[in-house]
C-alpha atoms as a PDB file:
ATOM      1  CA  MET A   1       0.343  51.917  17.002  1.00  0.00           C
ATOM      2  CA  SER A   2      -2.239  52.546  14.315  1.00  0.00           C
ATOM      3  CA  ALA A   3      -6.000  52.169  14.437  1.00  0.00           C
ATOM      4  CA  ILE A   4      -5.739  48.952  12.398  1.00  0.00           C
ATOM      5  CA  ASP A   5      -3.418  47.479  15.030  1.00  0.00           C
ATOM      6  CA  LEU A   6      -5.872  48.381  17.784  1.00  0.00           C
ATOM      7  CA  ILE A   7      -8.808  46.851  15.911  1.00  0.00           C
ATOM      8  CA  THR A   8      -6.729  43.729  15.240  1.00  0.00           C
ATOM      9  CA  GLY A   9      -5.907  43.395  18.920  1.00  0.00           C
ATOM     10  CA  LEU A  10      -9.546  43.914  19.867  1.00  0.00           C
ATOM     11  CA  LEU A  11     -10.805  41.283  17.403  1.00  0.00           C
ATOM     12  CA  ILE A  12      -8.199  38.738  18.509  1.00  0.00           C
ATOM     13  CA  GLY A  13      -9.064  39.449  22.149  1.00  0.00           C
ATOM     14  CA  ILE A  14     -12.771  38.903  21.452  1.00  0.00           C
ATOM     15  CA  GLY A  15     -11.901  35.658  19.681  1.00  0.00           C
ATOM     16  CA  ALA A  16      -9.864  34.517  22.665  1.00  0.00           C
ATOM     17  CA  LEU A  17     -12.820  35.241  24.961  1.00  0.00           C
ATOM     18  CA  PHE A  18     -15.054  33.033  22.818  1.00  0.00           C
ATOM     19  CA  PHE A  19     -12.464  30.254  23.003  1.00  0.00           C
ATOM     20  CA  LEU A  20     -12.434  30.672  26.782  1.00  0.00           C
ATOM     21  CA  ALA A  21     -16.242  30.539  26.894  1.00  0.00           C
ATOM     22  CA  GLY A  22     -16.216  27.337  24.838  1.00  0.00           C
ATOM     23  CA  THR A  23     -13.676  25.782  27.174  1.00  0.00           C
ATOM     24  CA  ILE A  24     -15.746  26.735  30.213  1.00  0.00           C
ATOM     25  CA  GLY A  25     -18.805  25.202  28.528  1.00  0.00           C
ATOM     26  CA  LEU A  26     -16.841  22.030  27.857  1.00  0.00           C
ATOM     27  CA  LEU A  27     -15.879  21.759  31.506  1.00  0.00           C
ATOM     28  CA  ARG A  28     -19.168  22.837  33.101  1.00  0.00           C
ATOM     29  CA  PHE A  29     -22.049  21.426  31.056  1.00  0.00           C
ATOM     30  CA  PRO A  30     -23.479  18.131  32.303  1.00  0.00           C
ATOM     31  CA  ASP A  31     -23.870  15.997  29.192  1.00  0.00           C
ATOM     32  CA  LEU A  32     -21.954  15.291  26.016  1.00  0.00           C
ATOM     33  CA  HIS A  33     -24.374  16.984  23.632  1.00  0.00           C
ATOM     34  CA  SER A  34     -24.379  20.262  25.578  1.00  0.00           C
ATOM     35  CA  ARG A  35     -20.595  20.192  25.742  1.00  0.00           C
ATOM     36  CA  ILE A  36     -20.207  19.600  22.021  1.00  0.00           C
ATOM     37  CA  HIS A  37     -22.715  22.344  21.222  1.00  0.00           C
ATOM     38  CA  ALA A  38     -20.963  24.894  23.421  1.00  0.00           C
ATOM     39  CA  LEU A  39     -17.537  23.963  22.167  1.00  0.00           C
ATOM     40  CA  THR A  40     -18.265  23.944  18.437  1.00  0.00           C
ATOM     41  CA  LYS A  41     -20.328  27.138  18.422  1.00  0.00           C
ATOM     42  CA  ALA A  42     -18.008  29.177  20.614  1.00  0.00           C
ATOM     43  CA  ASP A  43     -14.820  27.943  18.943  1.00  0.00           C
ATOM     44  CA  ASN A  44     -16.130  28.642  15.446  1.00  0.00           C
ATOM     45  CA  LEU A  45     -17.143  32.146  16.467  1.00  0.00           C
ATOM     46  CA  GLY A  46     -13.837  32.712  18.256  1.00  0.00           C
ATOM     47  CA  LEU A  47     -11.882  31.557  15.244  1.00  0.00           C
ATOM     48  CA  GLY A  48     -13.969  33.864  13.058  1.00  0.00           C
ATOM     49  CA  PHE A  49     -13.024  36.904  15.138  1.00  0.00           C
ATOM     50  CA  ILE A  50      -9.363  35.901  15.124  1.00  0.00           C
ATOM     51  CA  VAL A  51      -9.462  35.476  11.350  1.00  0.00           C
ATOM     52  CA  LEU A  52     -11.018  38.930  10.962  1.00  0.00           C
ATOM     53  CA  GLY A  53      -8.199  40.365  13.043  1.00  0.00           C
ATOM     54  CA  LEU A  54      -5.594  38.545  10.987  1.00  0.00           C
ATOM     55  CA  LEU A  55      -7.151  39.670   7.715  1.00  0.00           C
ATOM     56  CA  LEU A  56      -6.532  43.275   8.706  1.00  0.00           C
ATOM     57  CA  GLN A  57      -2.819  42.476   8.991  1.00  0.00           C
ATOM     58  CA  ALA A  58      -2.529  40.381   5.811  1.00  0.00           C
ATOM     59  CA  GLU A  59       0.233  41.605   3.536  1.00  0.00           C
ATOM     60  CA  SER A  60      -1.460  40.577   0.294  1.00  0.00           C
ATOM     61  CA  VAL A  61      -4.712  39.267  -1.095  1.00  0.00           C
ATOM     62  CA  SER A  62      -3.216  35.799  -1.551  1.00  0.00           C
ATOM     63  CA  VAL A  63      -2.353  35.620   2.149  1.00  0.00           C
ATOM     64  CA  ALA A  64      -5.876  36.768   3.045  1.00  0.00           C
ATOM     65  CA  ILE A  65      -7.392  34.106   0.788  1.00  0.00           C
ATOM     66  CA  LYS A  66      -5.249  31.428   2.437  1.00  0.00           C
ATOM     67  CA  ILE A  67      -6.381  32.578   5.885  1.00  0.00           C
ATOM     68  CA  VAL A  68     -10.038  32.445   4.826  1.00  0.00           C
ATOM     69  CA  LEU A  69      -9.588  28.983   3.285  1.00  0.00           C
ATOM     70  CA  ILE A  70      -8.008  27.691   6.492  1.00  0.00           C
ATOM     71  CA  TRP A  71     -10.918  29.187   8.450  1.00  0.00           C
ATOM     72  CA  LEU A  72     -13.467  27.492   6.183  1.00  0.00           C
ATOM     73  CA  LEU A  73     -11.650  24.174   6.552  1.00  0.00           C
ATOM     74  CA  ALA A  74     -11.677  24.543  10.338  1.00  0.00           C
ATOM     75  CA  LEU A  75     -15.408  25.384  10.275  1.00  0.00           C
ATOM     76  CA  ALA A  76     -16.181  22.291   8.229  1.00  0.00           C
ATOM     77  CA  ALA A  77     -13.964  20.061  10.360  1.00  0.00           C
ATOM     78  CA  GLY A  78     -15.441  21.360  13.625  1.00  0.00           C
ATOM     79  CA  ALA A  79     -19.020  20.921  12.506  1.00  0.00           C
ATOM     80  CA  THR A  80     -18.369  17.485  11.036  1.00  0.00           C
ATOM     81  CA  SER A  81     -16.486  16.156  14.043  1.00  0.00           C
ATOM     82  CA  GLY A  82     -19.128  17.528  16.421  1.00  0.00           C
ATOM     83  CA  TYR A  83     -21.848  15.819  14.401  1.00  0.00           C
ATOM     84  CA  LEU A  84     -19.980  12.515  14.265  1.00  0.00           C
ATOM     85  CA  ILE A  85     -19.229  12.495  18.001  1.00  0.00           C
ATOM     86  CA  GLY A  86     -22.809  13.396  18.887  1.00  0.00           C
ATOM     87  CA  ASN A  87     -24.260  10.845  16.474  1.00  0.00           C
ATOM     88  CA  HIS A  88     -21.996   8.081  17.791  1.00  0.00           C
ATOM     89  CA  ALA A  89     -22.916   8.927  21.383  1.00  0.00           C
ATOM     90  CA  LEU A  90     -26.614   8.837  20.498  1.00  0.00           C
ATOM     91  CA  GLU A  91     -26.286   5.467  18.763  1.00  0.00           C
ATOM     92  CA  SER A  92     -24.273   4.081  21.684  1.00  0.00           C
ATOM     93  CA  ALA A  93     -26.958   5.239  24.118  1.00  0.00           C
ATOM     94  CA  ASP A  94     -29.630   3.463  22.060  1.00  0.00           C
ATOM     95  CA  ASP A  95     -27.685   0.196  22.316  1.00  0.00           C
ATOM     96  CA  ASP A  96     -27.813   0.195  26.131  1.00  0.00           C
END
């Protein structure tokens, strides 16, 4: 096992811990906005660490670019969906 393999495992493990922290935040925080905040921030950071670990194992530059593009798409989708859910919840609360 090389040093690159160890660093990859460490980065993926750190990413998994951030995913776990986001899940705990989703289950433990009291209101919707706190849950969304914890989930989107922790998941984006966790995915970033996992992507860094995967980039070290990429066989070519084209594979690395595809991984980064998928990561950017997931970042945009997570932020957008979190905003839309939070905005809808806020508008629904104003209607009551």
